């Protein structure tokens, strides 16, 4: 049996987040400083959902960014830094996009802070299901 209340609430969450994402500018990332490594960084060290976008290098068109990955973490800045700048090893299980001078892609991010933090994985699961980014594992 389908619980329509639950399904409608999921749709409302997705619609509100998609609307918020459309209103937010892309934060283009080419160095760690773009994320903000100091206390007053552009991306907060707070709980949230983050979205990694990419486009071919030298495209310079905000309409050509494509969503690649959705993730959550208790510190959005830390996790984005791991994804974009740290080489994956046997101790990590994240997909690293590895920004470097030879990269054929440029990357941008958007994020939404989540309160209470305990909802982050639920919201991530709904967004992945509805938005279907190619780099999220599809079981």
N, C-alpha and C. Protein backbone atom coordinates (compact mmCIF):
# COMPACT_ATOMS: atom_id res chain seq x y z
N UNK A 1 0.84 -1.19 0.00
CA UNK A 1 0.00 0.00 0.00
C UNK A 1 0.88 1.25 0.00
N UNK A 2 0.53 2.22 -0.79
CA UNK A 2 1.28 3.47 -0.89
C UNK A 2 0.71 4.48 0.09
N UNK A 3 1.58 5.06 0.88
CA UNK A 3 1.17 6.11 1.80
C UNK A 3 1.33 7.45 1.07
N UNK A 4 0.21 7.99 0.61
CA UNK A 4 0.25 9.22 -0.19
C UNK A 4 0.77 10.41 0.59
N UNK A 5 0.53 10.45 1.88
CA UNK A 5 1.05 11.56 2.70
C UNK A 5 2.58 11.59 2.65
N UNK A 6 3.19 10.43 2.78
CA UNK A 6 4.65 10.35 2.74
C UNK A 6 5.16 10.72 1.36
N UNK A 7 4.53 10.19 0.32
CA UNK A 7 4.98 10.47 -1.04
C UNK A 7 4.83 11.95 -1.38
N UNK A 8 3.75 12.59 -0.95
CA UNK A 8 3.56 14.02 -1.20
C UNK A 8 4.56 14.85 -0.42
N UNK A 9 4.87 14.43 0.80
CA UNK A 9 5.85 15.19 1.57
C UNK A 9 7.24 15.08 0.93
N UNK A 10 7.58 13.92 0.36
CA UNK A 10 8.85 13.77 -0.35
C UNK A 10 8.90 14.70 -1.56
N UNK A 11 7.81 14.75 -2.31
CA UNK A 11 7.76 15.64 -3.48
C UNK A 11 7.90 17.10 -3.09
N UNK A 12 7.28 17.47 -1.98
CA UNK A 12 7.40 18.85 -1.51
C UNK A 12 8.83 19.19 -1.12
N UNK A 13 9.51 18.26 -0.47
CA UNK A 13 10.91 18.48 -0.10
C UNK A 13 11.74 18.69 -1.36
N UNK A 14 11.57 17.82 -2.34
CA UNK A 14 12.35 17.93 -3.58
C UNK A 14 12.05 19.23 -4.30
N UNK A 15 10.79 19.60 -4.41
CA UNK A 15 10.42 20.85 -5.10
C UNK A 15 11.03 22.07 -4.41
N UNK A 16 10.95 22.10 -3.09
CA UNK A 16 11.51 23.24 -2.35
C UNK A 16 13.02 23.33 -2.51
N UNK A 17 13.70 22.20 -2.47
CA UNK A 17 15.15 22.20 -2.62
C UNK A 17 15.53 22.57 -4.05
N UNK A 18 14.83 22.03 -5.04
CA UNK A 18 15.12 22.40 -6.43
C UNK A 18 14.92 23.90 -6.65
N UNK A 19 13.88 24.47 -6.07
CA UNK A 19 13.63 25.91 -6.19
C UNK A 19 14.77 26.70 -5.54
N UNK A 20 15.19 26.28 -4.37
CA UNK A 20 16.29 26.94 -3.67
C UNK A 20 17.57 26.85 -4.50
N UNK A 21 17.84 25.71 -5.09
CA UNK A 21 19.04 25.54 -5.91
C UNK A 21 19.02 26.45 -7.13
N UNK A 22 17.86 26.62 -7.74
CA UNK A 22 17.75 27.52 -8.90
C UNK A 22 18.04 28.96 -8.52
N UNK A 23 17.68 29.34 -7.31
CA UNK A 23 17.89 30.71 -6.86
C UNK A 23 19.34 30.98 -6.45
N UNK A 24 20.08 29.92 -6.11
CA UNK A 24 21.46 30.06 -5.67
C UNK A 24 22.42 30.10 -6.85
N UNK A 25 23.47 30.89 -6.72
CA UNK A 25 24.51 30.94 -7.75
C UNK A 25 25.44 29.74 -7.58
N UNK A 26 26.08 29.37 -8.67
CA UNK A 26 27.11 28.35 -8.60
C UNK A 26 28.33 28.94 -7.92
N UNK A 27 28.94 28.18 -7.03
CA UNK A 27 30.22 28.55 -6.46
C UNK A 27 31.26 27.76 -7.24
N UNK A 28 31.95 28.46 -8.14
CA UNK A 28 32.95 27.80 -8.98
C UNK A 28 34.18 27.54 -8.14
N UNK A 29 34.72 26.33 -8.28
CA UNK A 29 35.82 25.90 -7.42
C UNK A 29 37.02 25.52 -8.29
N UNK A 30 38.14 26.19 -8.05
CA UNK A 30 39.38 25.79 -8.72
C UNK A 30 40.53 25.66 -7.73
N UNK A 31 40.34 26.20 -6.52
CA UNK A 31 41.35 26.06 -5.47
C UNK A 31 40.63 25.82 -4.14
N UNK A 32 41.37 25.37 -3.15
CA UNK A 32 40.77 25.19 -1.81
C UNK A 32 40.26 26.51 -1.27
N UNK A 33 40.90 27.61 -1.63
CA UNK A 33 40.46 28.92 -1.14
C UNK A 33 39.05 29.26 -1.61
N UNK A 34 38.62 28.72 -2.74
CA UNK A 34 37.26 28.97 -3.22
C UNK A 34 36.22 28.43 -2.23
N UNK A 35 36.57 27.33 -1.57
CA UNK A 35 35.67 26.76 -0.55
C UNK A 35 35.78 27.55 0.74
N UNK A 36 36.93 28.17 0.94
CA UNK A 36 37.16 28.93 2.16
C UNK A 36 37.81 28.07 3.21
N UNK A 37 39.09 28.26 3.39
CA UNK A 37 39.79 27.42 4.36
C UNK A 37 39.87 28.06 5.74
N UNK A 38 39.57 29.33 5.85
CA UNK A 38 39.60 30.02 7.14
C UNK A 38 38.28 29.93 7.86
N UNK A 39 38.19 30.60 8.98
CA UNK A 39 36.96 30.60 9.78
C UNK A 39 35.78 31.19 9.02
N UNK A 40 36.04 32.15 8.16
CA UNK A 40 34.96 32.83 7.44
C UNK A 40 34.85 32.33 6.01
N UNK A 41 34.97 31.04 5.82
CA UNK A 41 34.93 30.46 4.48
C UNK A 41 33.60 30.64 3.80
N UNK A 42 33.63 30.56 2.48
CA UNK A 42 32.41 30.71 1.69
C UNK A 42 31.44 29.57 1.95
N UNK A 43 31.97 28.37 2.12
CA UNK A 43 31.14 27.20 2.42
C UNK A 43 31.28 26.94 3.91
N UNK A 44 30.16 26.84 4.62
CA UNK A 44 30.24 26.69 6.08
C UNK A 44 30.65 25.29 6.52
N UNK A 45 31.19 25.24 7.72
CA UNK A 45 31.50 23.96 8.37
C UNK A 45 30.27 23.55 9.16
N UNK A 46 29.16 23.37 8.47
CA UNK A 46 27.90 23.01 9.10
C UNK A 46 27.28 21.84 8.33
N UNK A 47 26.29 21.24 8.95
CA UNK A 47 25.60 20.09 8.39
C UNK A 47 24.76 20.49 7.18
N UNK A 48 24.85 19.71 6.12
CA UNK A 48 24.04 20.02 4.96
C UNK A 48 24.14 19.01 3.84
N UNK A 49 23.40 19.31 2.79
CA UNK A 49 23.42 18.55 1.54
C UNK A 49 24.21 19.37 0.55
N UNK A 50 25.12 18.74 -0.19
CA UNK A 50 25.89 19.47 -1.19
C UNK A 50 25.71 18.82 -2.56
N UNK A 51 25.90 19.63 -3.57
CA UNK A 51 25.68 19.23 -4.95
C UNK A 51 26.94 19.60 -5.74
N UNK A 52 27.54 18.63 -6.42
CA UNK A 52 28.72 18.89 -7.23
C UNK A 52 28.30 18.88 -8.70
N UNK A 53 28.64 19.96 -9.39
CA UNK A 53 28.34 20.13 -10.80
C UNK A 53 29.66 20.18 -11.58
N UNK A 54 29.60 19.84 -12.86
CA UNK A 54 30.78 20.01 -13.68
C UNK A 54 30.38 20.42 -15.10
N UNK A 55 31.36 20.98 -15.78
CA UNK A 55 31.21 21.30 -17.19
C UNK A 55 32.59 21.21 -17.83
N UNK A 56 32.62 21.08 -19.13
CA UNK A 56 33.90 21.03 -19.84
C UNK A 56 34.66 22.32 -19.59
N UNK A 57 35.96 22.20 -19.43
CA UNK A 57 36.81 23.38 -19.22
C UNK A 57 36.65 24.32 -20.41
N UNK A 58 36.72 25.60 -20.11
CA UNK A 58 36.63 26.68 -21.10
C UNK A 58 35.24 26.83 -21.72
N UNK A 59 34.21 26.34 -21.05
CA UNK A 59 32.85 26.49 -21.56
C UNK A 59 32.27 27.85 -21.16
N UNK A 60 32.45 28.26 -19.92
CA UNK A 60 32.04 29.56 -19.40
C UNK A 60 30.57 29.88 -19.62
N UNK A 61 29.72 28.90 -19.47
CA UNK A 61 28.29 29.09 -19.67
C UNK A 61 27.56 28.49 -18.47
N UNK A 62 26.88 29.33 -17.69
CA UNK A 62 26.22 28.81 -16.49
C UNK A 62 25.10 27.82 -16.80
N UNK A 63 24.62 27.78 -18.03
CA UNK A 63 23.57 26.83 -18.39
C UNK A 63 24.12 25.44 -18.70
N UNK A 64 25.43 25.30 -18.81
CA UNK A 64 25.98 24.00 -19.19
C UNK A 64 26.51 23.19 -18.01
N UNK A 65 26.31 23.66 -16.77
CA UNK A 65 26.70 22.88 -15.60
C UNK A 65 25.76 21.68 -15.49
N UNK A 66 26.32 20.51 -15.25
CA UNK A 66 25.48 19.32 -15.05
C UNK A 66 25.73 18.76 -13.65
N UNK A 67 24.66 18.38 -13.00
CA UNK A 67 24.75 17.79 -11.67
C UNK A 67 25.38 16.41 -11.79
N UNK A 68 26.44 16.18 -11.01
CA UNK A 68 27.15 14.91 -11.04
C UNK A 68 26.94 14.09 -9.78
N UNK A 69 26.81 14.79 -8.63
CA UNK A 69 26.83 14.05 -7.37
C UNK A 69 26.10 14.84 -6.30
N UNK A 70 25.39 14.11 -5.44
CA UNK A 70 24.74 14.67 -4.26
C UNK A 70 25.31 13.96 -3.05
N UNK A 71 25.66 14.71 -2.02
CA UNK A 71 26.17 14.11 -0.80
C UNK A 71 25.74 14.89 0.42
N UNK A 72 26.01 14.35 1.58
CA UNK A 72 25.70 15.01 2.84
C UNK A 72 26.89 14.85 3.77
N UNK A 73 27.00 15.76 4.71
CA UNK A 73 28.05 15.64 5.72
C UNK A 73 27.75 16.60 6.85
N UNK A 74 28.31 16.32 8.00
CA UNK A 74 28.13 17.23 9.14
C UNK A 74 28.96 18.50 8.96
N UNK A 75 29.95 18.48 8.06
CA UNK A 75 30.71 19.68 7.68
C UNK A 75 30.81 19.72 6.16
N UNK A 76 29.94 20.50 5.53
CA UNK A 76 29.89 20.56 4.07
C UNK A 76 31.25 20.97 3.49
N UNK A 77 31.89 21.96 4.09
CA UNK A 77 33.19 22.42 3.56
C UNK A 77 34.23 21.31 3.59
N UNK A 78 34.31 20.60 4.71
CA UNK A 78 35.29 19.51 4.83
C UNK A 78 35.07 18.46 3.76
N UNK A 79 33.83 18.05 3.60
CA UNK A 79 33.54 16.97 2.65
C UNK A 79 33.79 17.40 1.21
N UNK A 80 33.43 18.63 0.87
CA UNK A 80 33.71 19.10 -0.48
C UNK A 80 35.20 19.16 -0.75
N UNK A 81 35.95 19.58 0.25
CA UNK A 81 37.40 19.62 0.10
C UNK A 81 37.95 18.21 -0.14
N UNK A 82 37.41 17.23 0.56
CA UNK A 82 37.83 15.84 0.35
C UNK A 82 37.52 15.37 -1.07
N UNK A 83 36.32 15.66 -1.53
CA UNK A 83 35.91 15.24 -2.87
C UNK A 83 36.77 15.89 -3.95
N UNK A 84 37.04 17.16 -3.81
CA UNK A 84 37.64 17.92 -4.90
C UNK A 84 39.16 17.98 -4.87
N UNK A 85 39.77 17.75 -3.71
CA UNK A 85 41.21 17.98 -3.62
C UNK A 85 42.03 16.84 -3.05
N UNK A 86 41.42 15.83 -2.44
CA UNK A 86 42.20 14.74 -1.87
C UNK A 86 42.14 13.51 -2.76
N UNK A 87 43.28 12.89 -2.95
CA UNK A 87 43.33 11.66 -3.73
C UNK A 87 42.70 10.53 -2.93
N UNK A 88 41.78 9.80 -3.54
CA UNK A 88 41.17 8.70 -2.79
C UNK A 88 42.19 7.61 -2.51
N UNK A 89 42.07 6.98 -1.37
CA UNK A 89 42.93 5.85 -1.03
C UNK A 89 42.06 4.75 -0.44
N UNK A 90 42.68 3.73 0.06
CA UNK A 90 41.91 2.60 0.56
C UNK A 90 41.10 2.93 1.80
N UNK A 91 41.41 4.04 2.46
CA UNK A 91 40.68 4.40 3.68
C UNK A 91 39.47 5.28 3.41
N UNK A 92 39.31 5.74 2.18
CA UNK A 92 38.17 6.60 1.86
C UNK A 92 37.27 5.89 0.86
N UNK A 93 36.00 6.24 0.90
CA UNK A 93 35.07 5.62 -0.05
C UNK A 93 34.34 6.67 -0.87
N UNK A 94 34.92 7.86 -0.98
CA UNK A 94 34.26 8.91 -1.75
C UNK A 94 34.84 9.01 -3.15
N UNK A 95 34.05 9.55 -4.04
CA UNK A 95 34.47 9.79 -5.41
C UNK A 95 35.20 11.13 -5.43
N UNK A 96 36.47 11.13 -5.78
CA UNK A 96 37.24 12.38 -5.83
C UNK A 96 37.20 12.91 -7.25
N UNK A 97 36.89 14.17 -7.40
CA UNK A 97 36.82 14.79 -8.72
C UNK A 97 38.15 15.41 -9.12
N UNK A 98 39.05 15.58 -8.16
CA UNK A 98 40.42 15.96 -8.39
C UNK A 98 40.60 17.17 -9.32
N UNK A 99 40.46 18.32 -8.74
CA UNK A 99 40.72 19.56 -9.47
C UNK A 99 42.22 19.73 -9.59
N UNK A 100 42.68 19.86 -10.82
CA UNK A 100 44.09 20.15 -11.08
C UNK A 100 44.22 20.88 -12.41
N UNK A 101 45.40 21.32 -12.73
CA UNK A 101 45.60 22.12 -13.94
C UNK A 101 45.35 21.34 -15.22
N UNK A 102 45.47 20.03 -15.17
CA UNK A 102 45.28 19.21 -16.37
C UNK A 102 43.83 18.73 -16.54
N UNK A 103 42.96 19.08 -15.63
CA UNK A 103 41.60 18.58 -15.67
C UNK A 103 40.86 19.08 -16.90
N UNK A 104 40.09 18.19 -17.51
CA UNK A 104 39.29 18.60 -18.66
C UNK A 104 37.95 19.21 -18.22
N UNK A 105 37.69 19.19 -16.91
CA UNK A 105 36.44 19.73 -16.39
C UNK A 105 36.68 20.85 -15.40
N UNK A 106 35.67 21.71 -15.29
CA UNK A 106 35.61 22.71 -14.22
C UNK A 106 34.50 22.25 -13.30
N UNK A 107 34.62 22.62 -12.01
CA UNK A 107 33.64 22.19 -11.02
C UNK A 107 33.00 23.37 -10.31
N UNK A 108 31.76 23.17 -9.92
CA UNK A 108 31.04 24.16 -9.13
C UNK A 108 30.20 23.40 -8.12
N UNK A 109 29.84 24.08 -7.05
CA UNK A 109 29.05 23.45 -6.01
C UNK A 109 27.90 24.36 -5.59
N UNK A 110 26.92 23.73 -5.02
CA UNK A 110 25.84 24.40 -4.31
C UNK A 110 25.59 23.57 -3.07
N UNK A 111 25.00 24.17 -2.06
CA UNK A 111 24.73 23.42 -0.83
C UNK A 111 23.51 24.01 -0.15
N UNK A 112 22.92 23.19 0.70
CA UNK A 112 21.78 23.60 1.53
C UNK A 112 22.05 23.08 2.93
N UNK A 113 21.99 23.97 3.90
CA UNK A 113 22.18 23.56 5.29
C UNK A 113 20.93 22.85 5.79
N UNK A 114 21.12 21.85 6.63
CA UNK A 114 20.02 21.02 7.13
C UNK A 114 19.96 21.11 8.64
N UNK A 115 18.79 21.43 9.16
CA UNK A 115 18.52 21.42 10.59
C UNK A 115 17.21 20.68 10.82
N UNK A 116 17.15 19.71 11.64
CA UNK A 116 18.24 19.13 12.41
C UNK A 116 19.10 18.25 11.52
N UNK A 117 20.34 18.10 11.90
CA UNK A 117 21.33 17.35 11.13
C UNK A 117 20.92 15.88 10.95
N UNK A 118 20.13 15.37 11.85
CA UNK A 118 19.71 13.97 11.78
C UNK A 118 18.87 13.67 10.53
N UNK A 119 18.35 14.69 9.87
CA UNK A 119 17.54 14.48 8.66
C UNK A 119 18.37 14.39 7.38
N UNK A 120 19.68 14.64 7.48
CA UNK A 120 20.48 14.79 6.26
C UNK A 120 20.49 13.55 5.37
N UNK A 121 20.61 12.37 5.94
CA UNK A 121 20.66 11.16 5.12
C UNK A 121 19.30 10.85 4.48
N UNK A 122 18.23 11.13 5.18
CA UNK A 122 16.89 10.94 4.62
C UNK A 122 16.69 11.86 3.42
N UNK A 123 17.06 13.12 3.57
CA UNK A 123 16.91 14.08 2.49
C UNK A 123 17.82 13.72 1.32
N UNK A 124 19.04 13.30 1.61
CA UNK A 124 19.95 12.87 0.54
C UNK A 124 19.33 11.73 -0.26
N UNK A 125 18.80 10.74 0.41
CA UNK A 125 18.21 9.58 -0.27
C UNK A 125 17.06 10.00 -1.19
N UNK A 126 16.21 10.89 -0.72
CA UNK A 126 15.10 11.37 -1.53
C UNK A 126 15.62 12.13 -2.76
N UNK A 127 16.60 13.00 -2.56
CA UNK A 127 17.13 13.79 -3.67
C UNK A 127 17.82 12.92 -4.71
N UNK A 128 18.59 11.95 -4.27
CA UNK A 128 19.26 11.05 -5.22
C UNK A 128 18.22 10.28 -6.03
N UNK A 129 17.19 9.82 -5.34
CA UNK A 129 16.13 9.07 -6.02
C UNK A 129 15.44 9.93 -7.08
N UNK A 130 15.16 11.18 -6.76
CA UNK A 130 14.41 12.05 -7.66
C UNK A 130 15.29 12.73 -8.73
N UNK A 131 16.50 13.13 -8.37
CA UNK A 131 17.35 13.89 -9.29
C UNK A 131 18.30 13.01 -10.10
N UNK A 132 18.57 11.80 -9.61
CA UNK A 132 19.33 10.77 -10.31
C UNK A 132 20.68 11.24 -10.88
N UNK A 133 21.55 11.79 -10.04
CA UNK A 133 22.87 12.21 -10.53
C UNK A 133 23.71 10.99 -10.91
N UNK A 134 24.47 11.07 -11.99
CA UNK A 134 25.17 9.88 -12.52
C UNK A 134 26.25 9.29 -11.61
N UNK A 135 26.88 10.09 -10.76
CA UNK A 135 27.99 9.57 -9.96
C UNK A 135 27.59 9.04 -8.59
N UNK A 136 26.32 9.10 -8.25
CA UNK A 136 25.87 8.46 -7.02
C UNK A 136 25.67 6.97 -7.31
N UNK A 137 26.05 6.14 -6.38
CA UNK A 137 25.88 4.71 -6.57
C UNK A 137 24.40 4.38 -6.70
N UNK A 138 24.08 3.60 -7.71
CA UNK A 138 22.69 3.17 -7.89
C UNK A 138 22.64 1.68 -7.60
N UNK A 139 22.06 1.34 -6.49
CA UNK A 139 21.97 -0.08 -6.09
C UNK A 139 20.79 -0.74 -6.74
